[in-house]
Amino acid sequence: MPDQEYFTVHHNLTVNVEPLPPEESIPPFDQFESEIPAPFLVASEFSHLDVMNDNARNELKNKDLKHVIALLDTQNAKLNLLLTFLLAQQDINAFRYQTTSFGASQFSYLAPAPLAIEDKVRVKLFLEHPAAAIYSYGHVVHCEPKDGQYLITIKYDLLRDLDEDLLIKAALYQQQKILRQRTLNRDK
C-alpha cells in the first residue's frame, strides 16, 4: 500500500482490533487477499453495485418510472439487510471498539489497555455508508492516555485499493453530513 495521507473525519464506527502475537508478522499481499472473509468481499462488491443502482435509479427517475424505482429500492433494502446480518457474524465482541476518527490511511479509537508503538494488528472496520466492511492489517503509530483510557491510532499496512476507495467515500459522506449540520446550525 502506498504511503499516502488522507484527511480523517471524527466519527464513531465499529471496529475490531486484534493485536497480533509478537512472533506473527503481517502476511504477504496474496495471502492477505485469500484470508479476507467472504462477507467482506461480498460487502465490497455490494457497495460498488450500489453506485450502479444509483445511476440506474436516476435514469429511471427522469423517465417517471416510480414503481420500477420502488421495486429496485425494495430489492436493495433486502440485500442490505442480508449483508448487515452476514457482517454482524464477523464482529467479535472481545475486539470491538468505536473509532473516534477514521480515514483512508489510519483510524483512532479508545481502548482500556495500551498497545505499544509498532505493534501489528488485524482490523475489521464496519462502515455505515456505504454499507460495507473493511478487512486489513495495520500497526500502532500513536498511543496516549486519555480520560482513563488510551487513544490508539492505527495506520493501515495491508488494504485493498477497492477498500481504500470505500474508506474515502465513507469519510467524504461523513464530512458532508458534518458540513450540512453546520450550515443548518448557522442558518438558525
N, C-alpha and C. Protein backbone atom coordinates (compact mmCIF):
# COMPACT_ATOMS: atom_id res chain seq x y z
N MET A 1 0.85 -1.17 0.00
CA MET A 1 0.00 0.00 0.00
C MET A 1 0.89 1.23 0.00
N PRO A 2 0.67 2.18 -0.93
CA PRO A 2 1.49 3.38 -0.95
C PRO A 2 1.29 4.19 0.32
N ASP A 3 2.33 4.87 0.74
CA ASP A 3 2.27 5.64 1.98
C ASP A 3 1.66 7.01 1.71
N GLN A 4 0.33 7.07 1.61
CA GLN A 4 -0.37 8.31 1.35
C GLN A 4 -1.13 8.72 2.59
N GLU A 5 -1.26 10.02 2.78
CA GLU A 5 -2.05 10.54 3.87
C GLU A 5 -3.38 11.04 3.32
N TYR A 6 -4.46 10.72 4.00
CA TYR A 6 -5.79 11.18 3.64
C TYR A 6 -6.36 11.90 4.85
N PHE A 7 -7.30 12.82 4.59
CA PHE A 7 -7.90 13.50 5.72
C PHE A 7 -8.71 12.51 6.54
N THR A 8 -8.84 12.81 7.81
CA THR A 8 -9.65 11.96 8.69
C THR A 8 -10.86 12.76 9.15
N VAL A 9 -11.90 12.05 9.48
CA VAL A 9 -13.13 12.68 9.95
C VAL A 9 -13.43 12.09 11.33
N HIS A 10 -13.92 12.92 12.21
CA HIS A 10 -14.28 12.45 13.55
C HIS A 10 -15.66 11.82 13.49
N HIS A 11 -15.69 10.51 13.68
CA HIS A 11 -16.95 9.78 13.61
C HIS A 11 -16.77 8.42 14.26
N ASN A 12 -17.82 7.93 14.89
CA ASN A 12 -17.78 6.62 15.55
C ASN A 12 -18.24 5.52 14.60
N LEU A 13 -17.35 4.58 14.36
CA LEU A 13 -17.66 3.36 13.61
C LEU A 13 -17.25 2.18 14.48
N THR A 14 -17.91 1.06 14.28
CA THR A 14 -17.48 -0.15 14.99
C THR A 14 -16.24 -0.70 14.30
N VAL A 15 -15.27 -1.06 15.12
CA VAL A 15 -14.03 -1.62 14.60
C VAL A 15 -13.62 -2.78 15.51
N ASN A 16 -13.08 -3.83 14.92
CA ASN A 16 -12.45 -4.92 15.68
C ASN A 16 -10.95 -4.75 15.49
N VAL A 17 -10.22 -4.67 16.59
CA VAL A 17 -8.76 -4.56 16.53
C VAL A 17 -8.20 -5.74 17.30
N GLU A 18 -7.55 -6.64 16.59
CA GLU A 18 -6.98 -7.84 17.18
C GLU A 18 -5.46 -7.75 17.14
N PRO A 19 -4.83 -7.52 18.30
CA PRO A 19 -3.36 -7.47 18.31
C PRO A 19 -2.77 -8.82 17.90
N LEU A 20 -1.75 -8.77 17.07
CA LEU A 20 -1.08 -10.00 16.64
C LEU A 20 0.00 -10.35 17.67
N PRO A 21 0.23 -11.64 17.89
CA PRO A 21 1.34 -12.03 18.78
C PRO A 21 2.66 -11.50 18.20
N PRO A 22 3.62 -11.16 19.05
CA PRO A 22 4.88 -10.59 18.56
C PRO A 22 5.59 -11.43 17.50
N GLU A 23 5.43 -12.76 17.57
CA GLU A 23 6.12 -13.62 16.60
C GLU A 23 5.39 -13.68 15.25
N GLU A 24 4.16 -13.18 15.20
CA GLU A 24 3.38 -13.22 13.95
C GLU A 24 3.60 -11.93 13.16
N SER A 25 3.90 -12.10 11.88
CA SER A 25 4.11 -10.92 11.04
C SER A 25 2.90 -10.73 10.11
N ILE A 26 2.86 -9.59 9.48
CA ILE A 26 1.80 -9.29 8.53
C ILE A 26 2.04 -10.16 7.29
N PRO A 27 0.99 -10.82 6.78
CA PRO A 27 1.18 -11.74 5.65
C PRO A 27 1.49 -11.00 4.35
N PRO A 28 2.04 -11.72 3.36
CA PRO A 28 2.21 -11.12 2.04
C PRO A 28 0.82 -10.81 1.45
N PHE A 29 0.78 -9.91 0.46
CA PHE A 29 -0.50 -9.40 -0.05
C PHE A 29 -1.40 -10.52 -0.59
N ASP A 30 -0.84 -11.51 -1.32
CA ASP A 30 -1.74 -12.56 -1.87
C ASP A 30 -2.33 -13.42 -0.76
N GLN A 31 -1.57 -13.68 0.27
CA GLN A 31 -2.11 -14.44 1.40
C GLN A 31 -3.17 -13.60 2.11
N PHE A 32 -2.90 -12.31 2.28
CA PHE A 32 -3.86 -11.39 2.88
C PHE A 32 -5.19 -11.42 2.12
N GLU A 33 -5.12 -11.32 0.79
CA GLU A 33 -6.35 -11.33 -0.01
C GLU A 33 -7.11 -12.65 0.13
N SER A 34 -6.38 -13.75 0.22
CA SER A 34 -7.05 -15.05 0.32
C SER A 34 -7.68 -15.28 1.70
N GLU A 35 -7.24 -14.56 2.73
CA GLU A 35 -7.82 -14.77 4.06
C GLU A 35 -8.97 -13.81 4.37
N ILE A 36 -9.27 -12.89 3.47
CA ILE A 36 -10.38 -11.96 3.71
C ILE A 36 -11.68 -12.76 3.76
N PRO A 37 -12.43 -12.64 4.85
CA PRO A 37 -13.69 -13.40 4.97
C PRO A 37 -14.66 -13.05 3.83
N ALA A 38 -15.38 -14.06 3.36
CA ALA A 38 -16.31 -13.88 2.23
C ALA A 38 -17.30 -12.74 2.43
N PRO A 39 -17.89 -12.55 3.63
CA PRO A 39 -18.83 -11.43 3.78
C PRO A 39 -18.19 -10.05 3.50
N PHE A 40 -16.90 -9.91 3.75
CA PHE A 40 -16.22 -8.65 3.48
C PHE A 40 -16.10 -8.43 1.98
N LEU A 41 -15.80 -9.51 1.25
CA LEU A 41 -15.71 -9.41 -0.20
C LEU A 41 -17.08 -9.09 -0.81
N VAL A 42 -18.10 -9.74 -0.29
CA VAL A 42 -19.46 -9.50 -0.77
C VAL A 42 -19.88 -8.06 -0.47
N ALA A 43 -19.57 -7.59 0.72
CA ALA A 43 -19.93 -6.22 1.10
C ALA A 43 -19.27 -5.20 0.18
N SER A 44 -18.04 -5.45 -0.16
CA SER A 44 -17.31 -4.56 -1.05
C SER A 44 -17.97 -4.53 -2.43
N GLU A 45 -18.32 -5.69 -2.94
CA GLU A 45 -18.99 -5.76 -4.25
C GLU A 45 -20.35 -5.09 -4.20
N PHE A 46 -21.09 -5.30 -3.11
CA PHE A 46 -22.40 -4.65 -2.96
C PHE A 46 -22.26 -3.14 -3.02
N SER A 47 -21.24 -2.61 -2.38
CA SER A 47 -21.06 -1.16 -2.35
C SER A 47 -20.84 -0.62 -3.76
N HIS A 48 -20.10 -1.36 -4.56
CA HIS A 48 -19.86 -0.91 -5.93
C HIS A 48 -21.11 -1.09 -6.79
N LEU A 49 -21.90 -2.12 -6.51
CA LEU A 49 -23.17 -2.29 -7.22
C LEU A 49 -24.16 -1.19 -6.85
N ASP A 50 -24.08 -0.69 -5.61
CA ASP A 50 -24.95 0.41 -5.19
C ASP A 50 -24.75 1.65 -6.06
N VAL A 51 -23.53 1.89 -6.49
CA VAL A 51 -23.25 3.03 -7.36
C VAL A 51 -23.98 2.84 -8.69
N MET A 52 -23.91 1.64 -9.23
CA MET A 52 -24.64 1.35 -10.48
C MET A 52 -26.14 1.48 -10.26
N ASN A 53 -26.62 1.01 -9.11
CA ASN A 53 -28.04 1.10 -8.77
C ASN A 53 -28.47 2.57 -8.72
N ASP A 54 -27.66 3.41 -8.10
CA ASP A 54 -27.99 4.85 -8.02
C ASP A 54 -28.05 5.47 -9.40
N ASN A 55 -27.12 5.11 -10.28
CA ASN A 55 -27.13 5.65 -11.64
C ASN A 55 -28.38 5.22 -12.40
N ALA A 56 -28.74 3.93 -12.29
CA ALA A 56 -29.94 3.43 -12.96
C ALA A 56 -31.19 4.10 -12.39
N ARG A 57 -31.20 4.28 -11.09
CA ARG A 57 -32.34 4.92 -10.41
C ARG A 57 -32.54 6.34 -10.94
N ASN A 58 -31.45 7.08 -11.09
CA ASN A 58 -31.55 8.45 -11.61
C ASN A 58 -32.08 8.48 -13.04
N GLU A 59 -31.64 7.52 -13.85
CA GLU A 59 -32.15 7.44 -15.22
C GLU A 59 -33.64 7.13 -15.22
N LEU A 60 -34.05 6.19 -14.35
CA LEU A 60 -35.47 5.83 -14.29
C LEU A 60 -36.32 6.99 -13.76
N LYS A 61 -35.76 7.72 -12.81
CA LYS A 61 -36.49 8.86 -12.23
C LYS A 61 -36.81 9.88 -13.33
N ASN A 62 -35.88 10.08 -14.23
CA ASN A 62 -36.09 11.02 -15.32
C ASN A 62 -37.19 10.56 -16.27
N LYS A 63 -37.44 9.25 -16.29
CA LYS A 63 -38.48 8.71 -17.18
C LYS A 63 -39.78 8.47 -16.42
N ASP A 64 -39.83 8.87 -15.14
CA ASP A 64 -41.02 8.77 -14.30
C ASP A 64 -41.53 7.32 -14.17
N LEU A 65 -40.63 6.43 -13.82
CA LEU A 65 -40.99 5.03 -13.60
C LEU A 65 -40.96 4.74 -12.10
N LYS A 66 -41.90 5.33 -11.37
CA LYS A 66 -41.94 5.27 -9.90
C LYS A 66 -42.01 3.84 -9.37
N HIS A 67 -42.82 2.98 -10.01
CA HIS A 67 -42.98 1.62 -9.50
C HIS A 67 -41.70 0.80 -9.69
N VAL A 68 -41.02 1.01 -10.79
CA VAL A 68 -39.75 0.30 -11.01
C VAL A 68 -38.72 0.78 -9.99
N ILE A 69 -38.70 2.08 -9.72
CA ILE A 69 -37.78 2.62 -8.71
C ILE A 69 -38.09 2.03 -7.35
N ALA A 70 -39.37 1.95 -7.00
CA ALA A 70 -39.76 1.38 -5.70
C ALA A 70 -39.33 -0.08 -5.61
N LEU A 71 -39.48 -0.83 -6.70
CA LEU A 71 -39.05 -2.23 -6.72
C LEU A 71 -37.54 -2.34 -6.51
N LEU A 72 -36.77 -1.53 -7.22
CA LEU A 72 -35.32 -1.54 -7.05
C LEU A 72 -34.93 -1.19 -5.61
N ASP A 73 -35.58 -0.18 -5.05
CA ASP A 73 -35.28 0.23 -3.67
C ASP A 73 -35.59 -0.90 -2.68
N THR A 74 -36.70 -1.60 -2.91
CA THR A 74 -37.07 -2.70 -2.03
C THR A 74 -36.06 -3.84 -2.12
N GLN A 75 -35.66 -4.18 -3.35
CA GLN A 75 -34.67 -5.24 -3.53
C GLN A 75 -33.34 -4.86 -2.90
N ASN A 76 -32.95 -3.62 -3.07
CA ASN A 76 -31.70 -3.13 -2.49
C ASN A 76 -31.77 -3.19 -0.96
N ALA A 77 -32.90 -2.80 -0.38
CA ALA A 77 -33.06 -2.85 1.07
C ALA A 77 -32.96 -4.28 1.59
N LYS A 78 -33.55 -5.24 0.85
CA LYS A 78 -33.46 -6.65 1.25
C LYS A 78 -32.02 -7.12 1.24
N LEU A 79 -31.29 -6.79 0.18
CA LEU A 79 -29.89 -7.20 0.08
C LEU A 79 -29.04 -6.58 1.19
N ASN A 80 -29.29 -5.31 1.48
CA ASN A 80 -28.53 -4.64 2.55
C ASN A 80 -28.84 -5.24 3.91
N LEU A 81 -30.07 -5.65 4.14
CA LEU A 81 -30.44 -6.31 5.39
C LEU A 81 -29.69 -7.64 5.53
N LEU A 82 -29.66 -8.42 4.46
CA LEU A 82 -28.94 -9.68 4.47
C LEU A 82 -27.44 -9.46 4.69
N LEU A 83 -26.90 -8.46 4.01
CA LEU A 83 -25.48 -8.14 4.16
C LEU A 83 -25.16 -7.73 5.59
N THR A 84 -26.01 -6.91 6.18
CA THR A 84 -25.81 -6.48 7.57
C THR A 84 -25.76 -7.68 8.51
N PHE A 85 -26.67 -8.64 8.28
CA PHE A 85 -26.69 -9.85 9.09
C PHE A 85 -25.39 -10.64 8.93
N LEU A 86 -24.94 -10.82 7.69
CA LEU A 86 -23.69 -11.56 7.44
C LEU A 86 -22.50 -10.88 8.10
N LEU A 87 -22.43 -9.57 7.99
CA LEU A 87 -21.30 -8.84 8.57
C LEU A 87 -21.33 -8.87 10.10
N ALA A 88 -22.52 -8.86 10.67
CA ALA A 88 -22.63 -8.91 12.14
C ALA A 88 -21.99 -10.17 12.70
N GLN A 89 -21.99 -11.25 11.91
CA GLN A 89 -21.37 -12.50 12.33
C GLN A 89 -19.85 -12.38 12.43
N GLN A 90 -19.28 -11.39 11.75
CA GLN A 90 -17.83 -11.18 11.73
C GLN A 90 -17.35 -10.26 12.86
N ASP A 91 -18.29 -9.61 13.54
CA ASP A 91 -17.97 -8.65 14.60
C ASP A 91 -17.73 -9.43 15.89
N ILE A 92 -16.49 -9.41 16.39
CA ILE A 92 -16.12 -10.18 17.58
C ILE A 92 -16.08 -9.25 18.78
N ASN A 93 -16.94 -9.53 19.74
CA ASN A 93 -17.12 -8.67 20.91
C ASN A 93 -15.81 -8.39 21.66
N ALA A 94 -14.95 -9.39 21.80
CA ALA A 94 -13.70 -9.23 22.56
C ALA A 94 -12.76 -8.20 21.93
N PHE A 95 -12.90 -7.95 20.63
CA PHE A 95 -12.02 -7.00 19.94
C PHE A 95 -12.76 -5.73 19.49
N ARG A 96 -14.00 -5.54 19.95
CA ARG A 96 -14.85 -4.44 19.48
C ARG A 96 -14.54 -3.13 20.20
N TYR A 97 -14.39 -2.09 19.40
CA TYR A 97 -14.20 -0.73 19.88
C TYR A 97 -14.98 0.22 18.97
N GLN A 98 -15.00 1.48 19.34
CA GLN A 98 -15.59 2.52 18.49
C GLN A 98 -14.48 3.49 18.09
N THR A 99 -14.44 3.81 16.81
CA THR A 99 -13.44 4.77 16.36
C THR A 99 -13.80 6.15 16.90
N THR A 100 -12.79 6.97 17.08
CA THR A 100 -13.02 8.39 17.38
C THR A 100 -12.84 9.19 16.10
N SER A 101 -12.05 8.65 15.17
CA SER A 101 -11.86 9.26 13.85
C SER A 101 -11.38 8.16 12.90
N PHE A 102 -11.61 8.40 11.59
CA PHE A 102 -11.14 7.44 10.61
C PHE A 102 -10.90 8.15 9.28
N GLY A 103 -10.10 7.51 8.46
CA GLY A 103 -9.82 7.99 7.12
C GLY A 103 -9.28 6.82 6.32
N ALA A 104 -8.76 7.09 5.14
CA ALA A 104 -8.28 6.03 4.26
C ALA A 104 -6.83 5.65 4.52
N SER A 105 -6.17 6.33 5.47
CA SER A 105 -4.80 5.96 5.79
C SER A 105 -4.64 5.48 7.24
N GLN A 106 -5.58 5.89 8.11
CA GLN A 106 -5.49 5.49 9.51
C GLN A 106 -6.81 5.72 10.22
N PHE A 107 -6.91 5.20 11.46
CA PHE A 107 -8.06 5.47 12.31
C PHE A 107 -7.59 5.49 13.76
N SER A 108 -8.40 6.09 14.62
CA SER A 108 -8.10 6.15 16.05
C SER A 108 -9.29 5.61 16.83
N TYR A 109 -9.00 5.05 17.99
CA TYR A 109 -10.06 4.52 18.85
C TYR A 109 -9.59 4.56 20.30
N LEU A 110 -10.55 4.50 21.22
CA LEU A 110 -10.24 4.45 22.65
C LEU A 110 -10.31 3.01 23.13
N ALA A 111 -9.32 2.62 23.94
CA ALA A 111 -9.26 1.26 24.48
C ALA A 111 -8.88 1.31 25.96
N PRO A 112 -9.28 0.31 26.73
CA PRO A 112 -8.95 0.30 28.16
C PRO A 112 -7.48 -0.01 28.45
N ALA A 113 -6.79 -0.64 27.49
CA ALA A 113 -5.38 -1.01 27.69
C ALA A 113 -4.54 -0.46 26.53
N PRO A 114 -3.29 -0.11 26.82
CA PRO A 114 -2.45 0.44 25.75
C PRO A 114 -1.89 -0.64 24.83
N LEU A 115 -1.47 -0.22 23.67
CA LEU A 115 -0.69 -1.06 22.76
C LEU A 115 0.62 -0.32 22.54
N ALA A 116 1.67 -1.07 22.25
CA ALA A 116 2.98 -0.46 22.02
C ALA A 116 3.07 0.06 20.59
N ILE A 117 3.83 1.14 20.42
CA ILE A 117 4.09 1.67 19.08
C ILE A 117 4.71 0.55 18.24
N GLU A 118 4.27 0.43 17.02
CA GLU A 118 4.70 -0.59 16.05
C GLU A 118 4.06 -1.95 16.25
N ASP A 119 3.23 -2.15 17.31
CA ASP A 119 2.50 -3.41 17.44
C ASP A 119 1.67 -3.62 16.18
N LYS A 120 1.62 -4.86 15.69
CA LYS A 120 0.84 -5.20 14.50
C LYS A 120 -0.56 -5.65 14.93
N VAL A 121 -1.55 -5.30 14.12
CA VAL A 121 -2.93 -5.65 14.43
C VAL A 121 -3.68 -6.10 13.17
N ARG A 122 -4.69 -6.94 13.38
CA ARG A 122 -5.64 -7.33 12.34
C ARG A 122 -6.89 -6.47 12.59
N VAL A 123 -7.45 -5.90 11.53
CA VAL A 123 -8.53 -4.93 11.69
C VAL A 123 -9.75 -5.33 10.86
N LYS A 124 -10.92 -5.18 11.46
CA LYS A 124 -12.20 -5.28 10.76
C LYS A 124 -12.94 -3.98 11.05
N LEU A 125 -13.18 -3.21 10.03
CA LEU A 125 -13.83 -1.90 10.18
C LEU A 125 -15.19 -1.97 9.50
N PHE A 126 -16.25 -1.66 10.23
CA PHE A 126 -17.62 -1.78 9.73
C PHE A 126 -18.16 -0.40 9.38
N LEU A 127 -18.36 -0.16 8.08
CA LEU A 127 -18.82 1.13 7.58
C LEU A 127 -20.34 1.18 7.56
N GLU A 128 -20.87 2.40 7.75
CA GLU A 128 -22.32 2.59 7.69
C GLU A 128 -22.75 3.03 6.29
N HIS A 129 -21.99 3.95 5.71
CA HIS A 129 -22.32 4.45 4.37
C HIS A 129 -21.04 4.74 3.62
N PRO A 130 -20.73 4.02 2.58
CA PRO A 130 -21.53 2.94 2.04
C PRO A 130 -21.52 1.74 2.99
N ALA A 131 -22.61 0.97 2.97
CA ALA A 131 -22.72 -0.20 3.84
C ALA A 131 -21.68 -1.22 3.38
N ALA A 132 -20.64 -1.38 4.18
CA ALA A 132 -19.55 -2.29 3.81
C ALA A 132 -18.72 -2.60 5.04
N ALA A 133 -17.75 -3.45 4.86
CA ALA A 133 -16.80 -3.78 5.92
C ALA A 133 -15.42 -3.93 5.29
N ILE A 134 -14.43 -3.50 6.02
CA ILE A 134 -13.05 -3.50 5.54
C ILE A 134 -12.23 -4.45 6.41
N TYR A 135 -11.47 -5.31 5.77
CA TYR A 135 -10.56 -6.22 6.45
C TYR A 135 -9.15 -5.77 6.10
N SER A 136 -8.32 -5.55 7.10
CA SER A 136 -6.97 -5.07 6.82
C SER A 136 -6.02 -5.42 7.96
N TYR A 137 -4.76 -5.08 7.74
CA TYR A 137 -3.73 -5.16 8.77
C TYR A 137 -3.14 -3.78 8.94
N GLY A 138 -2.63 -3.51 10.14
CA GLY A 138 -2.00 -2.22 10.37
C GLY A 138 -1.05 -2.30 11.54
N HIS A 139 -0.54 -1.14 11.92
CA HIS A 139 0.35 -1.08 13.08
C HIS A 139 0.06 0.19 13.88
N VAL A 140 0.41 0.15 15.15
CA VAL A 140 0.16 1.27 16.05
C VAL A 140 1.19 2.36 15.78
N VAL A 141 0.70 3.58 15.54
CA VAL A 141 1.59 4.72 15.32
C VAL A 141 1.52 5.73 16.47
N HIS A 142 0.49 5.58 17.32
CA HIS A 142 0.33 6.53 18.41
C HIS A 142 -0.50 5.88 19.51
N CYS A 143 -0.13 6.12 20.76
CA CYS A 143 -0.89 5.62 21.90
C CYS A 143 -0.64 6.56 23.07
N GLU A 144 -1.71 7.18 23.56
CA GLU A 144 -1.57 8.11 24.69
C GLU A 144 -2.76 7.98 25.64
N PRO A 145 -2.52 8.19 26.93
CA PRO A 145 -3.63 8.13 27.89
C PRO A 145 -4.62 9.27 27.62
N LYS A 146 -5.92 8.95 27.76
CA LYS A 146 -6.95 9.97 27.58
C LYS A 146 -8.20 9.56 28.36
N ASP A 147 -8.58 10.37 29.32
CA ASP A 147 -9.81 10.15 30.10
C ASP A 147 -9.90 8.75 30.68
N GLY A 148 -8.82 8.26 31.27
CA GLY A 148 -8.82 6.94 31.90
C GLY A 148 -8.71 5.78 30.92
N GLN A 149 -8.57 6.09 29.62
CA GLN A 149 -8.40 5.06 28.61
C GLN A 149 -7.16 5.41 27.78
N TYR A 150 -7.02 4.76 26.65
CA TYR A 150 -5.88 5.04 25.77
C TYR A 150 -6.41 5.34 24.37
N LEU A 151 -5.96 6.46 23.82
CA LEU A 151 -6.29 6.81 22.44
C LEU A 151 -5.20 6.20 21.57
N ILE A 152 -5.61 5.25 20.73
CA ILE A 152 -4.67 4.49 19.90
C ILE A 152 -4.94 4.82 18.43
N THR A 153 -3.88 5.08 17.69
CA THR A 153 -4.00 5.34 16.26
C THR A 153 -3.32 4.21 15.50
N ILE A 154 -4.07 3.66 14.54
CA ILE A 154 -3.59 2.55 13.70
C ILE A 154 -3.43 3.05 12.27
N LYS A 155 -2.28 2.80 11.68
CA LYS A 155 -2.03 3.11 10.27
C LYS A 155 -2.15 1.80 9.50
N TYR A 156 -2.87 1.82 8.37
CA TYR A 156 -3.05 0.61 7.57
C TYR A 156 -1.74 0.20 6.90
N ASP A 157 -1.46 -1.11 6.93
CA ASP A 157 -0.31 -1.67 6.22
C ASP A 157 -0.77 -2.46 5.00
N LEU A 158 -1.82 -3.25 5.18
CA LEU A 158 -2.40 -4.03 4.08
C LEU A 158 -3.86 -3.64 3.93
N LEU A 159 -4.19 -3.11 2.76
CA LEU A 159 -5.54 -2.65 2.48
C LEU A 159 -5.73 -2.69 0.97
N ARG A 160 -6.79 -3.35 0.51
CA ARG A 160 -7.03 -3.40 -0.93
C ARG A 160 -7.40 -1.99 -1.44
N ASP A 161 -7.04 -1.71 -2.69
CA ASP A 161 -7.37 -0.42 -3.31
C ASP A 161 -8.87 -0.17 -3.28
N LEU A 162 -9.64 -1.21 -3.54
CA LEU A 162 -11.09 -1.13 -3.52
C LEU A 162 -11.60 -0.67 -2.15
N ASP A 163 -10.99 -1.20 -1.09
CA ASP A 163 -11.38 -0.84 0.27
C ASP A 163 -10.91 0.56 0.63
N GLU A 164 -9.77 0.95 0.11
CA GLU A 164 -9.29 2.32 0.32
C GLU A 164 -10.30 3.31 -0.29
N ASP A 165 -10.81 2.98 -1.47
CA ASP A 165 -11.84 3.81 -2.11
C ASP A 165 -13.09 3.90 -1.25
N LEU A 166 -13.50 2.76 -0.66
CA LEU A 166 -14.67 2.76 0.22
C LEU A 166 -14.45 3.65 1.44
N LEU A 167 -13.25 3.60 2.00
CA LEU A 167 -12.94 4.46 3.16
C LEU A 167 -12.98 5.93 2.78
N ILE A 168 -12.50 6.26 1.60
CA ILE A 168 -12.55 7.65 1.12
C ILE A 168 -14.00 8.08 0.98
N LYS A 169 -14.84 7.24 0.36
CA LYS A 169 -16.27 7.56 0.20
C LYS A 169 -16.95 7.73 1.55
N ALA A 170 -16.65 6.83 2.48
CA ALA A 170 -17.27 6.90 3.80
C ALA A 170 -16.86 8.18 4.53
N ALA A 171 -15.59 8.55 4.44
CA ALA A 171 -15.11 9.77 5.09
C ALA A 171 -15.74 11.01 4.45
N LEU A 172 -15.83 11.02 3.12
CA LEU A 172 -16.45 12.15 2.43
C LEU A 172 -17.93 12.27 2.79
N TYR A 173 -18.62 11.14 2.89
CA TYR A 173 -20.03 11.14 3.27
C TYR A 173 -20.21 11.75 4.67
N GLN A 174 -19.38 11.33 5.62
CA GLN A 174 -19.48 11.87 6.98
C GLN A 174 -19.12 13.35 7.01
N GLN A 175 -18.13 13.74 6.21
CA GLN A 175 -17.74 15.15 6.13
C GLN A 175 -18.90 15.99 5.59
N GLN A 176 -19.60 15.48 4.57
CA GLN A 176 -20.76 16.19 4.02
C GLN A 176 -21.83 16.35 5.08
N LYS A 177 -22.09 15.30 5.86
CA LYS A 177 -23.09 15.38 6.93
C LYS A 177 -22.72 16.45 7.95
N ILE A 178 -21.45 16.50 8.31
CA ILE A 178 -20.98 17.49 9.29
C ILE A 178 -21.16 18.90 8.73
N LEU A 179 -20.78 19.10 7.47
CA LEU A 179 -20.90 20.42 6.84
C LEU A 179 -22.37 20.84 6.71
N ARG A 180 -23.25 19.89 6.34
CA ARG A 180 -24.68 20.18 6.25
C ARG A 180 -25.23 20.61 7.60
N GLN A 181 -24.82 19.89 8.65
CA GLN A 181 -25.30 20.21 10.01
C GLN A 181 -24.81 21.59 10.44
N ARG A 182 -23.57 21.91 10.13
CA ARG A 182 -23.04 23.24 10.46
C ARG A 182 -23.83 24.33 9.74
N THR A 183 -24.16 24.09 8.48
CA THR A 183 -24.95 25.05 7.71
C THR A 183 -26.32 25.24 8.33
N LEU A 184 -26.96 24.14 8.71
CA LEU A 184 -28.28 24.23 9.35
C LEU A 184 -28.20 24.98 10.67
N ASN A 185 -27.17 24.69 11.47
CA ASN A 185 -27.00 25.37 12.75
C ASN A 185 -26.73 26.86 12.57
N ARG A 186 -25.97 27.19 11.55
CA ARG A 186 -25.64 28.60 11.27
C ARG A 186 -26.88 29.36 10.81
N ASP A 187 -27.74 28.69 10.03
CA ASP A 187 -28.94 29.34 9.49
C ASP A 187 -30.05 29.53 10.51
N LYS A 188 -29.91 28.93 11.70
CA LYS A 188 -30.97 29.05 12.73
C LYS A 188 -30.95 30.41 13.38
